Amino acid sequence: MFRYELNDFPTLHLASSGMTVRVGTLIEAAEALLSRWPPDEDGEEYVVAVKTCLDAITGLGTAGEARLALIRAAEEAGMRVITLAHAAENGHLSSSTPSSGPHCPPDAVRSQHP
């Protein structure tokens, strides 16, 4: 049976129209996409994110791929994406300039503005 570790999907928050959704697992990602997504914001990246997330849940993809697809879909929908990760070396949070995709430093506080 396929099993992923919780740290495979670092927590992120999606903010849109006064609503914030915490996403920390593949199941929460699927719920956000299928039940809590803004109306009329289901573009190409959204469709890719749904498929990628469901593939990861069933073991046909990875949690990391699903997380990146979710971030791309949120950016396409004009949502704000906030991620937090602790720096391994010193335990402090640091800020970085927002960036798209996997190039954001792993110890950054990242916020995407529409």
PDB file of N, CA and C in Angstrom:
ATOM      1  N   MET A   1       0.834  -1.188   0.000  1.00  0.00           N
ATOM      2  CA  MET A   1       0.000   0.000   0.000  1.00  0.00           C
ATOM      3  C   MET A   1       0.878   1.250   0.000  1.00  0.00           C
ATOM      4  N   PHE A   2       0.514   2.214  -0.809  1.00  0.00           N
ATOM      5  CA  PHE A   2       1.256   3.471  -0.901  1.00  0.00           C
ATOM      6  C   PHE A   2       1.031   4.291   0.357  1.00  0.00           C
ATOM      7  N   ARG A   3       2.096   4.908   0.856  1.00  0.00           N
ATOM      8  CA  ARG A   3       1.997   5.785   2.026  1.00  0.00           C
ATOM      9  C   ARG A   3       2.966   6.934   1.853  1.00  0.00           C
ATOM     10  N   TYR A   4       2.501   8.135   2.108  1.00  0.00           N
ATOM     11  CA  TYR A   4       3.395   9.281   2.046  1.00  0.00           C
ATOM     12  C   TYR A   4       3.550   9.845   3.443  1.00  0.00           C
ATOM     13  N   GLU A   5       4.652  10.517   3.679  1.00  0.00           N
ATOM     14  CA  GLU A   5       4.920  11.134   4.970  1.00  0.00           C
ATOM     15  C   GLU A   5       4.342  12.551   4.982  1.00  0.00           C
ATOM     16  N   LEU A   6       3.904  13.016   6.145  1.00  0.00           N
ATOM     17  CA  LEU A   6       3.323  14.345   6.243  1.00  0.00           C
ATOM     18  C   LEU A   6       4.286  15.438   5.798  1.00  0.00           C
ATOM     19  N   ASN A   7       5.598  15.240   6.035  1.00  0.00           N
ATOM     20  CA  ASN A   7       6.556  16.268   5.624  1.00  0.00           C
ATOM     21  C   ASN A   7       6.765  16.289   4.114  1.00  0.00           C
ATOM     22  N   ASP A   8       6.127  15.369   3.379  1.00  0.00           N
ATOM     23  CA  ASP A   8       6.165  15.397   1.918  1.00  0.00           C
ATOM     24  C   ASP A   8       5.282  16.518   1.362  1.00  0.00           C
ATOM     25  N   PHE A   9       4.408  17.064   2.205  1.00  0.00           N
ATOM     26  CA  PHE A   9       3.491  18.120   1.783  1.00  0.00           C
ATOM     27  C   PHE A   9       3.529  19.231   2.832  1.00  0.00           C
ATOM     28  N   PRO A  10       4.580  20.061   2.799  1.00  0.00           N
ATOM     29  CA  PRO A  10       4.660  21.152   3.776  1.00  0.00           C
ATOM     30  C   PRO A  10       3.415  22.043   3.704  1.00  0.00           C
ATOM     31  N   THR A  11       2.927  22.434   4.854  1.00  0.00           N
ATOM     32  CA  THR A  11       1.696  23.209   4.962  1.00  0.00           C
ATOM     33  C   THR A  11       1.784  24.525   4.196  1.00  0.00           C
ATOM     34  N   LEU A  12       0.676  24.857   3.552  1.00  0.00           N
ATOM     35  CA  LEU A  12       0.532  26.161   2.914  1.00  0.00           C
ATOM     36  C   LEU A  12      -0.873  26.667   3.189  1.00  0.00           C
ATOM     37  N   HIS A  13      -1.071  27.943   2.968  1.00  0.00           N
ATOM     38  CA  HIS A  13      -2.372  28.572   3.148  1.00  0.00           C
ATOM     39  C   HIS A  13      -2.748  29.265   1.847  1.00  0.00           C
ATOM     40  N   LEU A  14      -3.994  29.114   1.448  1.00  0.00           N
ATOM     41  CA  LEU A  14      -4.526  29.766   0.254  1.00  0.00           C
ATOM     42  C   LEU A  14      -5.508  30.829   0.712  1.00  0.00           C
ATOM     43  N   ALA A  15      -5.337  32.048   0.241  1.00  0.00           N
ATOM     44  CA  ALA A  15      -6.212  33.149   0.645  1.00  0.00           C
ATOM     45  C   ALA A  15      -6.857  33.772  -0.584  1.00  0.00           C
ATOM     46  N   SER A  16      -8.170  33.979  -0.469  1.00  0.00           N
ATOM     47  CA  SER A  16      -8.924  34.589  -1.556  1.00  0.00           C
ATOM     48  C   SER A  16     -10.237  35.124  -1.017  1.00  0.00           C
ATOM     49  N   SER A  17     -10.575  36.352  -1.357  1.00  0.00           N
ATOM     50  CA  SER A  17     -11.864  36.962  -1.003  1.00  0.00           C
ATOM     51  C   SER A  17     -12.199  36.815   0.473  1.00  0.00           C
ATOM     52  N   GLY A  18     -11.235  37.125   1.340  1.00  0.00           N
ATOM     53  CA  GLY A  18     -11.482  37.086   2.771  1.00  0.00           C
ATOM     54  C   GLY A  18     -11.501  35.703   3.389  1.00  0.00           C
ATOM     55  N   MET A  19     -11.210  34.675   2.603  1.00  0.00           N
ATOM     56  CA  MET A  19     -11.210  33.307   3.093  1.00  0.00           C
ATOM     57  C   MET A  19      -9.784  32.760   3.036  1.00  0.00           C
ATOM     58  N   THR A  20      -9.376  32.042   4.081  1.00  0.00           N
ATOM     59  CA  THR A  20      -8.076  31.394   4.088  1.00  0.00           C
ATOM     60  C   THR A  20      -8.279  29.913   4.341  1.00  0.00           C
ATOM     61  N   VAL A  21      -7.622  29.086   3.534  1.00  0.00           N
ATOM     62  CA  VAL A  21      -7.722  27.636   3.662  1.00  0.00           C
ATOM     63  C   VAL A  21      -6.338  27.087   3.965  1.00  0.00           C
ATOM     64  N   ARG A  22      -6.214  26.317   5.048  1.00  0.00           N
ATOM     65  CA  ARG A  22      -4.961  25.655   5.409  1.00  0.00           C
ATOM     66  C   ARG A  22      -4.914  24.314   4.684  1.00  0.00           C
ATOM     67  N   VAL A  23      -3.778  24.040   4.021  1.00  0.00           N
ATOM     68  CA  VAL A  23      -3.597  22.780   3.303  1.00  0.00           C
ATOM     69  C   VAL A  23      -2.276  22.168   3.759  1.00  0.00           C
ATOM     70  N   GLY A  24      -2.367  21.021   4.431  1.00  0.00           N
ATOM     71  CA  GLY A  24      -1.164  20.379   4.946  1.00  0.00           C
ATOM     72  C   GLY A  24      -1.030  18.918   4.578  1.00  0.00           C
ATOM     73  N   THR A  25      -2.013  18.384   3.862  1.00  0.00           N
ATOM     74  CA  THR A  25      -1.967  16.979   3.438  1.00  0.00           C
ATOM     75  C   THR A  25      -2.563  16.868   2.035  1.00  0.00           C
ATOM     76  N   LEU A  26      -2.380  15.725   1.423  1.00  0.00           N
ATOM     77  CA  LEU A  26      -2.989  15.503   0.107  1.00  0.00           C
ATOM     78  C   LEU A  26      -4.517  15.530   0.197  1.00  0.00           C
ATOM     79  N   ILE A  27      -5.063  14.974   1.266  1.00  0.00           N
ATOM     80  CA  ILE A  27      -6.516  14.977   1.423  1.00  0.00           C
ATOM     81  C   ILE A  27      -7.034  16.415   1.553  1.00  0.00           C
ATOM     82  N   GLU A  28      -6.331  17.249   2.322  1.00  0.00           N
ATOM     83  CA  GLU A  28      -6.731  18.655   2.440  1.00  0.00           C
ATOM     84  C   GLU A  28      -6.581  19.382   1.113  1.00  0.00           C
ATOM     85  N   ALA A  29      -5.583  19.022   0.325  1.00  0.00           N
ATOM     86  CA  ALA A  29      -5.421  19.625  -1.004  1.00  0.00           C
ATOM     87  C   ALA A  29      -6.605  19.260  -1.900  1.00  0.00           C
ATOM     88  N   ALA A  30      -6.995  17.984  -1.867  1.00  0.00           N
ATOM     89  CA  ALA A  30      -8.142  17.547  -2.671  1.00  0.00           C
ATOM     90  C   ALA A  30      -9.413  18.263  -2.221  1.00  0.00           C
ATOM     91  N   GLU A  31      -9.591  18.387  -0.904  1.00  0.00           N
ATOM     92  CA  GLU A  31     -10.767  19.082  -0.381  1.00  0.00           C
ATOM     93  C   GLU A  31     -10.782  20.552  -0.816  1.00  0.00           C
ATOM     94  N   ALA A  32      -9.624  21.199  -0.753  1.00  0.00           N
ATOM     95  CA  ALA A  32      -9.542  22.603  -1.174  1.00  0.00           C
ATOM     96  C   ALA A  32      -9.899  22.742  -2.647  1.00  0.00           C
ATOM     97  N   LEU A  33      -9.383  21.846  -3.465  1.00  0.00           N
ATOM     98  CA  LEU A  33      -9.640  21.915  -4.902  1.00  0.00           C
ATOM     99  C   LEU A  33     -11.098  21.593  -5.247  1.00  0.00           C
ATOM    100  N   LEU A  34     -11.646  20.591  -4.600  1.00  0.00           N
ATOM    101  CA  LEU A  34     -12.970  20.109  -4.987  1.00  0.00           C
ATOM    102  C   LEU A  34     -14.127  20.771  -4.243  1.00  0.00           C
ATOM    103  N   SER A  35     -13.857  21.292  -3.044  1.00  0.00           N
ATOM    104  CA  SER A  35     -14.962  21.833  -2.245  1.00  0.00           C
ATOM    105  C   SER A  35     -14.831  23.295  -1.871  1.00  0.00           C
ATOM    106  N   ARG A  36     -13.616  23.823  -1.904  1.00  0.00           N
ATOM    107  CA  ARG A  36     -13.425  25.177  -1.378  1.00  0.00           C
ATOM    108  C   ARG A  36     -12.810  26.131  -2.395  1.00  0.00           C
ATOM    109  N   TRP A  37     -12.793  25.739  -3.643  1.00  0.00           N
ATOM    110  CA  TRP A  37     -12.180  26.561  -4.689  1.00  0.00           C
ATOM    111  C   TRP A  37     -13.128  27.686  -5.076  1.00  0.00           C
ATOM    112  N   PRO A  38     -12.595  28.874  -5.369  1.00  0.00           N
ATOM    113  CA  PRO A  38     -13.469  29.990  -5.776  1.00  0.00           C
ATOM    114  C   PRO A  38     -14.251  29.652  -7.056  1.00  0.00           C
ATOM    115  N   PRO A  39     -15.504  30.039  -7.091  1.00  0.00           N
ATOM    116  CA  PRO A  39     -16.313  29.788  -8.295  1.00  0.00           C
ATOM    117  C   PRO A  39     -15.683  30.453  -9.528  1.00  0.00           C
ATOM    118  N   ASP A  40     -15.827  29.830 -10.655  1.00  0.00           N
ATOM    119  CA  ASP A  40     -15.359  30.369 -11.936  1.00  0.00           C
ATOM    120  C   ASP A  40     -13.846  30.550 -12.012  1.00  0.00           C
ATOM    121  N   GLU A  41     -13.095  29.855 -11.178  1.00  0.00           N
ATOM    122  CA  GLU A  41     -11.630  29.947 -11.213  1.00  0.00           C
ATOM    123  C   GLU A  41     -11.030  28.569 -11.497  1.00  0.00           C
ATOM    124  N   ASP A  42     -11.638  27.840 -12.422  1.00  0.00           N
ATOM    125  CA  ASP A  42     -11.189  26.483 -12.721  1.00  0.00           C
ATOM    126  C   ASP A  42     -10.562  26.399 -14.120  1.00  0.00           C
ATOM    127  N   GLY A  43      -9.405  27.051 -14.241  1.00  0.00           N
ATOM    128  CA  GLY A  43      -8.679  27.063 -15.510  1.00  0.00           C
ATOM    129  C   GLY A  43      -7.865  25.800 -15.726  1.00  0.00           C
ATOM    130  N   GLU A  44      -6.975  25.865 -16.686  1.00  0.00           N
ATOM    131  CA  GLU A  44      -6.142  24.703 -17.037  1.00  0.00           C
ATOM    132  C   GLU A  44      -5.318  24.190 -15.868  1.00  0.00           C
ATOM    133  N   GLU A  45      -4.698  25.104 -15.121  1.00  0.00           N
ATOM    134  CA  GLU A  45      -3.861  24.686 -13.988  1.00  0.00           C
ATOM    135  C   GLU A  45      -4.698  24.019 -12.899  1.00  0.00           C
ATOM    136  N   TYR A  46      -5.935  24.444 -12.748  1.00  0.00           N
ATOM    137  CA  TYR A  46      -6.843  23.819 -11.786  1.00  0.00           C
ATOM    138  C   TYR A  46      -7.082  22.364 -12.167  1.00  0.00           C
ATOM    139  N   VAL A  47      -7.388  22.119 -13.425  1.00  0.00           N
ATOM    140  CA  VAL A  47      -7.646  20.755 -13.898  1.00  0.00           C
ATOM    141  C   VAL A  47      -6.409  19.880 -13.688  1.00  0.00           C
ATOM    142  N   VAL A  48      -5.242  20.428 -14.000  1.00  0.00           N
ATOM    143  CA  VAL A  48      -3.984  19.693 -13.788  1.00  0.00           C
ATOM    144  C   VAL A  48      -3.799  19.395 -12.298  1.00  0.00           C
ATOM    145  N   ALA A  49      -4.089  20.362 -11.444  1.00  0.00           N
ATOM    146  CA  ALA A  49      -3.918  20.176 -10.001  1.00  0.00           C
ATOM    147  C   ALA A  49      -4.843  19.087  -9.460  1.00  0.00           C
ATOM    148  N   VAL A  50      -6.087  19.063  -9.907  1.00  0.00           N
ATOM    149  CA  VAL A  50      -7.020  18.025  -9.459  1.00  0.00           C
ATOM    150  C   VAL A  50      -6.495  16.650  -9.841  1.00  0.00           C
ATOM    151  N   LYS A  51      -6.092  16.492 -11.096  1.00  0.00           N
ATOM    152  CA  LYS A  51      -5.587  15.196 -11.553  1.00  0.00           C
ATOM    153  C   LYS A  51      -4.311  14.804 -10.813  1.00  0.00           C
ATOM    154  N   THR A  52      -3.386  15.755 -10.660  1.00  0.00           N
ATOM    155  CA  THR A  52      -2.113  15.476  -9.999  1.00  0.00           C
ATOM    156  C   THR A  52      -2.330  15.096  -8.535  1.00  0.00           C
ATOM    157  N   CYS A  53      -3.247  15.775  -7.885  1.00  0.00           N
ATOM    158  CA  CYS A  53      -3.547  15.479  -6.484  1.00  0.00           C
ATOM    159  C   CYS A  53      -4.170  14.090  -6.343  1.00  0.00           C
ATOM    160  N   LEU A  54      -5.135  13.782  -7.169  1.00  0.00           N
ATOM    161  CA  LEU A  54      -5.762  12.465  -7.108  1.00  0.00           C
ATOM    162  C   LEU A  54      -4.767  11.362  -7.464  1.00  0.00           C
ATOM    163  N   ASP A  55      -3.893  11.623  -8.414  1.00  0.00           N
ATOM    164  CA  ASP A  55      -2.836  10.653  -8.738  1.00  0.00           C
ATOM    165  C   ASP A  55      -1.940  10.408  -7.535  1.00  0.00           C
ATOM    166  N   ALA A  56      -1.572  11.463  -6.824  1.00  0.00           N
ATOM    167  CA  ALA A  56      -0.703  11.321  -5.653  1.00  0.00           C
ATOM    168  C   ALA A  56      -1.401  10.537  -4.546  1.00  0.00           C
ATOM    169  N   ILE A  57      -2.685  10.785  -4.343  1.00  0.00           N
ATOM    170  CA  ILE A  57      -3.439  10.055  -3.316  1.00  0.00           C
ATOM    171  C   ILE A  57      -3.461   8.563  -3.622  1.00  0.00           C
ATOM    172  N   THR A  58      -3.567   8.222  -4.895  1.00  0.00           N
ATOM    173  CA  THR A  58      -3.642   6.803  -5.275  1.00  0.00           C
ATOM    174  C   THR A  58      -2.269   6.175  -5.523  1.00  0.00           C
ATOM    175  N   GLY A  59      -1.205   6.949  -5.326  1.00  0.00           N
ATOM    176  CA  GLY A  59       0.138   6.403  -5.472  1.00  0.00           C
ATOM    177  C   GLY A  59       0.730   6.510  -6.858  1.00  0.00           C
ATOM    178  N   LEU A  60       0.045   7.196  -7.772  1.00  0.00           N
ATOM    179  CA  LEU A  60       0.543   7.341  -9.135  1.00  0.00           C
ATOM    180  C   LEU A  60       1.381   8.600  -9.329  1.00  0.00           C
ATOM    181  N   GLY A  61       1.531   9.394  -8.288  1.00  0.00           N
ATOM    182  CA  GLY A  61       2.324  10.618  -8.323  1.00  0.00           C
ATOM    183  C   GLY A  61       2.838  10.893  -6.928  1.00  0.00           C
ATOM    184  N   THR A  62       3.506  12.019  -6.766  1.00  0.00           N
ATOM    185  CA  THR A  62       4.066  12.345  -5.458  1.00  0.00           C
ATOM    186  C   THR A  62       3.325  13.521  -4.822  1.00  0.00           C
ATOM    187  N   ALA A  63       3.460  13.624  -3.517  1.00  0.00           N
ATOM    188  CA  ALA A  63       2.870  14.749  -2.797  1.00  0.00           C
ATOM    189  C   ALA A  63       3.506  16.059  -3.253  1.00  0.00           C
ATOM    190  N   GLY A  64       4.797  16.044  -3.534  1.00  0.00           N
ATOM    191  CA  GLY A  64       5.487  17.242  -4.002  1.00  0.00           C
ATOM    192  C   GLY A  64       4.942  17.743  -5.328  1.00  0.00           C
ATOM    193  N   GLU A  65       4.670  16.814  -6.243  1.00  0.00           N
ATOM    194  CA  GLU A  65       4.082  17.197  -7.531  1.00  0.00           C
ATOM    195  C   GLU A  65       2.692  17.806  -7.335  1.00  0.00           C
ATOM    196  N   ALA A  66       1.916  17.203  -6.435  1.00  0.00           N
ATOM    197  CA  ALA A  66       0.567  17.700  -6.168  1.00  0.00           C
ATOM    198  C   ALA A  66       0.619  19.090  -5.542  1.00  0.00           C
ATOM    199  N   ARG A  67       1.557  19.302  -4.639  1.00  0.00           N
ATOM    200  CA  ARG A  67       1.687  20.599  -3.973  1.00  0.00           C
ATOM    201  C   ARG A  67       2.042  21.693  -4.983  1.00  0.00           C
ATOM    202  N   LEU A  68       3.003  21.405  -5.862  1.00  0.00           N
ATOM    203  CA  LEU A  68       3.379  22.390  -6.884  1.00  0.00           C
ATOM    204  C   LEU A  68       2.220  22.682  -7.836  1.00  0.00           C
ATOM    205  N   ALA A  69       1.470  21.653  -8.200  1.00  0.00           N
ATOM    206  CA  ALA A  69       0.316  21.851  -9.081  1.00  0.00           C
ATOM    207  C   ALA A  69      -0.750  22.700  -8.382  1.00  0.00           C
ATOM    208  N   LEU A  70      -0.957  22.479  -7.086  1.00  0.00           N
ATOM    209  CA  LEU A  70      -1.908  23.282  -6.323  1.00  0.00           C
ATOM    210  C   LEU A  70      -1.481  24.744  -6.290  1.00  0.00           C
ATOM    211  N   ILE A  71      -0.199  24.980  -6.077  1.00  0.00           N
ATOM    212  CA  ILE A  71       0.316  26.355  -6.047  1.00  0.00           C
ATOM    213  C   ILE A  71       0.110  27.034  -7.400  1.00  0.00           C
ATOM    214  N   ARG A  72       0.403  26.333  -8.480  1.00  0.00           N
ATOM    215  CA  ARG A  72       0.208  26.908  -9.820  1.00  0.00           C
ATOM    216  C   ARG A  72      -1.265  27.234 -10.075  1.00  0.00           C
ATOM    217  N   ALA A  73      -2.152  26.328  -9.648  1.00  0.00           N
ATOM    218  CA  ALA A  73      -3.582  26.564  -9.842  1.00  0.00           C
ATOM    219  C   ALA A  73      -4.046  27.768  -9.029  1.00  0.00           C
ATOM    220  N   ALA A  74      -3.551  27.880  -7.809  1.00  0.00           N
ATOM    221  CA  ALA A  74      -3.920  29.023  -6.962  1.00  0.00           C
ATOM    222  C   ALA A  74      -3.429  30.328  -7.574  1.00  0.00           C
ATOM    223  N   GLU A  75      -2.202  30.329  -8.072  1.00  0.00           N
ATOM    224  CA  GLU A  75      -1.663  31.531  -8.714  1.00  0.00           C
ATOM    225  C   GLU A  75      -2.488  31.892  -9.941  1.00  0.00           C
ATOM    226  N   GLU A  76      -2.865  30.891 -10.744  1.00  0.00           N
ATOM    227  CA  GLU A  76      -3.694  31.130 -11.921  1.00  0.00           C
ATOM    228  C   GLU A  76      -5.045  31.741 -11.520  1.00  0.00           C
ATOM    229  N   ALA A  77      -5.578  31.314 -10.370  1.00  0.00           N
ATOM    230  CA  ALA A  77      -6.870  31.801  -9.898  1.00  0.00           C
ATOM    231  C   ALA A  77      -6.765  33.139  -9.181  1.00  0.00           C
ATOM    232  N   GLY A  78      -5.543  33.684  -9.070  1.00  0.00           N
ATOM    233  CA  GLY A  78      -5.356  34.959  -8.405  1.00  0.00           C
ATOM    234  C   GLY A  78      -5.393  34.873  -6.891  1.00  0.00           C
ATOM    235  N   MET A  79      -5.181  33.682  -6.380  1.00  0.00           N
ATOM    236  CA  MET A  79      -5.182  33.487  -4.934  1.00  0.00           C
ATOM    237  C   MET A  79      -3.801  33.799  -4.366  1.00  0.00           C
ATOM    238  N   ARG A  80      -3.779  34.160  -3.113  1.00  0.00           N
ATOM    239  CA  ARG A  80      -2.523  34.397  -2.409  1.00  0.00           C
ATOM    240  C   ARG A  80      -2.086  33.071  -1.790  1.00  0.00           C
ATOM    241  N   VAL A  81      -0.821  32.692  -2.016  1.00  0.00           N
ATOM    242  CA  VAL A  81      -0.273  31.446  -1.492  1.00  0.00           C
ATOM    243  C   VAL A  81       0.761  31.797  -0.433  1.00  0.00           C
ATOM    244  N   ILE A  82       0.577  31.263   0.772  1.00  0.00           N
ATOM    245  CA  ILE A  82       1.497  31.537   1.869  1.00  0.00           C
ATOM    246  C   ILE A  82       2.065  30.215   2.355  1.00  0.00           C
ATOM    247  N   THR A  83       3.385  30.099   2.354  1.00  0.00           N
ATOM    248  CA  THR A  83       4.033  28.895   2.863  1.00  0.00           C
ATOM    249  C   THR A  83       4.988  29.268   3.971  1.00  0.00           C
ATOM    250  N   LEU A  84       5.128  28.377   4.923  1.00  0.00           N
ATOM    251  CA  LEU A  84       6.048  28.575   6.037  1.00  0.00           C
ATOM    252  C   LEU A  84       6.904  27.327   6.190  1.00  0.00           C
ATOM    253  N   ALA A  85       8.185  27.546   6.415  1.00  0.00           N
ATOM    254  CA  ALA A  85       9.083  26.422   6.677  1.00  0.00           C
ATOM    255  C   ALA A  85      10.164  26.910   7.615  1.00  0.00           C
ATOM    256  N   HIS A  86      10.534  26.101   8.572  1.00  0.00           N
ATOM    257  CA  HIS A  86      11.589  26.471   9.509  1.00  0.00           C
ATOM    258  C   HIS A  86      12.949  26.178   8.896  1.00  0.00           C
ATOM    259  N   ALA A  87      13.881  27.084   9.117  1.00  0.00           N
ATOM    260  CA  ALA A  87      15.254  26.868   8.673  1.00  0.00           C
ATOM    261  C   ALA A  87      15.870  25.793   9.562  1.00  0.00           C
ATOM    262  N   ALA A  88      16.478  24.798   8.973  1.00  0.00           N
ATOM    263  CA  ALA A  88      17.049  23.686   9.728  1.00  0.00           C
ATOM    264  C   ALA A  88      18.233  24.124  10.575  1.00  0.00           C
ATOM    265  N   GLU A  89      19.009  25.063  10.089  1.00  0.00           N
ATOM    266  CA  GLU A  89      20.233  25.445  10.780  1.00  0.00           C
ATOM    267  C   GLU A  89      19.986  26.219  12.071  1.00  0.00           C
ATOM    268  N   ASN A  90      19.087  27.196  12.047  1.00  0.00           N
ATOM    269  CA  ASN A  90      18.951  28.068  13.205  1.00  0.00           C
ATOM    270  C   ASN A  90      17.552  28.147  13.785  1.00  0.00           C
ATOM    271  N   GLY A  91      16.605  27.449  13.211  1.00  0.00           N
ATOM    272  CA  GLY A  91      15.257  27.435  13.747  1.00  0.00           C
ATOM    273  C   GLY A  91      14.493  28.731  13.575  1.00  0.00           C
ATOM    274  N   HIS A  92      14.998  29.680  12.795  1.00  0.00           N
ATOM    275  CA  HIS A  92      14.325  30.955  12.580  1.00  0.00           C
ATOM    276  C   HIS A  92      13.590  30.948  11.251  1.00  0.00           C
ATOM    277  N   LEU A  93      12.580  31.760  11.168  1.00  0.00           N
ATOM    278  CA  LEU A  93      11.905  31.976   9.896  1.00  0.00           C
ATOM    279  C   LEU A  93      12.533  33.183   9.234  1.00  0.00           C
ATOM    280  N   SER A  94      12.639  33.149   7.950  1.00  0.00           N
ATOM    281  CA  SER A  94      13.178  34.291   7.228  1.00  0.00           C
ATOM    282  C   SER A  94      12.246  34.628   6.079  1.00  0.00           C
ATOM    283  N   SER A  95      12.390  35.821   5.557  1.00  0.00           N
ATOM    284  CA  SER A  95      11.559  36.247   4.445  1.00  0.00           C
ATOM    285  C   SER A  95      12.354  36.221   3.164  1.00  0.00           C
ATOM    286  N   SER A  96      11.647  36.019   2.086  1.00  0.00           N
ATOM    287  CA  SER A  96      12.296  36.119   0.782  1.00  0.00           C
ATOM    288  C   SER A  96      11.318  36.769  -0.175  1.00  0.00           C
ATOM    289  N   THR A  97      11.833  37.234  -1.261  1.00  0.00           N
ATOM    290  CA  THR A  97      10.999  37.809  -2.302  1.00  0.00           C
ATOM    291  C   THR A  97      10.160  36.701  -2.900  1.00  0.00           C
ATOM    292  N   PRO A  98       8.867  36.924  -3.124  1.00  0.00           N
ATOM    293  CA  PRO A  98       8.036  35.887  -3.708  1.00  0.00           C
ATOM    294  C   PRO A  98       8.602  35.414  -5.036  1.00  0.00           C
ATOM    295  N   SER A  99       8.469  34.130  -5.262  1.00  0.00           N
ATOM    296  CA  SER A  99       8.889  33.562  -6.532  1.00  0.00           C
ATOM    297  C   SER A  99       7.964  32.422  -6.875  1.00  0.00           C
ATOM    298  N   SER A 100       7.892  32.060  -8.131  1.00  0.00           N
ATOM    299  CA  SER A 100       7.034  30.972  -8.548  1.00  0.00           C
ATOM    300  C   SER A 100       7.798  29.670  -8.543  1.00  0.00           C
ATOM    301  N   GLY A 101       7.056  28.612  -8.323  1.00  0.00           N
ATOM    302  CA  GLY A 101       7.589  27.276  -8.484  1.00  0.00           C
ATOM    303  C   GLY A 101       8.591  26.869  -7.432  1.00  0.00           C
ATOM    304  N   PRO A 102       9.393  25.843  -7.755  1.00  0.00           N
ATOM    305  CA  PRO A 102      10.269  25.225  -6.781  1.00  0.00           C
ATOM    306  C   PRO A 102      11.526  26.012  -6.479  1.00  0.00           C
ATOM    307  N   HIS A 103      11.692  27.216  -7.024  1.00  0.00           N
ATOM    308  CA  HIS A 103      12.930  27.969  -6.831  1.00  0.00           C
ATOM    309  C   HIS A 103      12.941  28.791  -5.560  1.00  0.00           C
ATOM    310  N   CYS A 104      11.843  28.806  -4.820  1.00  0.00           N
ATOM    311  CA  CYS A 104      11.790  29.548  -3.570  1.00  0.00           C
ATOM    312  C   CYS A 104      12.642  28.821  -2.538  1.00  0.00           C
ATOM    313  N   PRO A 105      13.496  29.525  -1.806  1.00  0.00           N
ATOM    314  CA  PRO A 105      14.344  28.863  -0.805  1.00  0.00           C
ATOM    315  C   PRO A 105      13.494  28.097   0.200  1.00  0.00           C
ATOM    316  N   PRO A 106      13.944  26.885   0.623  1.00  0.00           N
ATOM    317  CA  PRO A 106      13.121  26.055   1.498  1.00  0.00           C
ATOM    318  C   PRO A 106      12.918  26.659   2.879  1.00  0.00           C
ATOM    319  N   ASP A 107      13.741  27.617   3.302  1.00  0.00           N
ATOM    320  CA  ASP A 107      13.596  28.202   4.632  1.00  0.00           C
ATOM    321  C   ASP A 107      12.904  29.556   4.588  1.00  0.00           C
ATOM    322  N   ALA A 108      12.113  29.800   3.559  1.00  0.00           N
ATOM    323  CA  ALA A 108      11.523  31.120   3.362  1.00  0.00           C
ATOM    324  C   ALA A 108      10.082  31.180   3.800  1.00  0.00           C
ATOM    325  N   VAL A 109       9.686  32.358   4.155  1.00  0.00           N
ATOM    326  CA  VAL A 109       8.261  32.664   4.257  1.00  0.00           C
ATOM    327  C   VAL A 109       7.898  33.198   2.899  1.00  0.00           C
ATOM    328  N   ARG A 110       6.954  32.588   2.230  1.00  0.00           N
ATOM    329  CA  ARG A 110       6.669  32.941   0.858  1.00  0.00           C
ATOM    330  C   ARG A 110       5.225  33.368   0.727  1.00  0.00           C
ATOM    331  N   SER A 111       5.001  34.456   0.087  1.00  0.00           N
ATOM    332  CA  SER A 111       3.655  34.962  -0.103  1.00  0.00           C
ATOM    333  C   SER A 111       3.512  35.430  -1.540  1.00  0.00           C
ATOM    334  N   GLN A 112       2.489  34.929  -2.205  1.00  0.00           N
ATOM    335  CA  GLN A 112       2.214  35.336  -3.573  1.00  0.00           C
ATOM    336  C   GLN A 112       1.052  36.303  -3.554  1.00  0.00           C
ATOM    337  N   HIS A 113       1.209  37.435  -4.160  1.00  0.00           N
ATOM    338  CA  HIS A 113       0.133  38.414  -4.268  1.00  0.00           C
ATOM    339  C   HIS A 113      -0.380  38.420  -5.680  1.00  0.00           C
ATOM    340  N   PRO A 114      -1.717  38.455  -5.846  1.00  0.00           N
ATOM    341  CA  PRO A 114      -2.273  38.472  -7.217  1.00  0.00           C
ATOM    342  C   PRO A 114      -1.893  39.722  -7.961  1.00  0.00           C
TER     343      PRO A 114
END
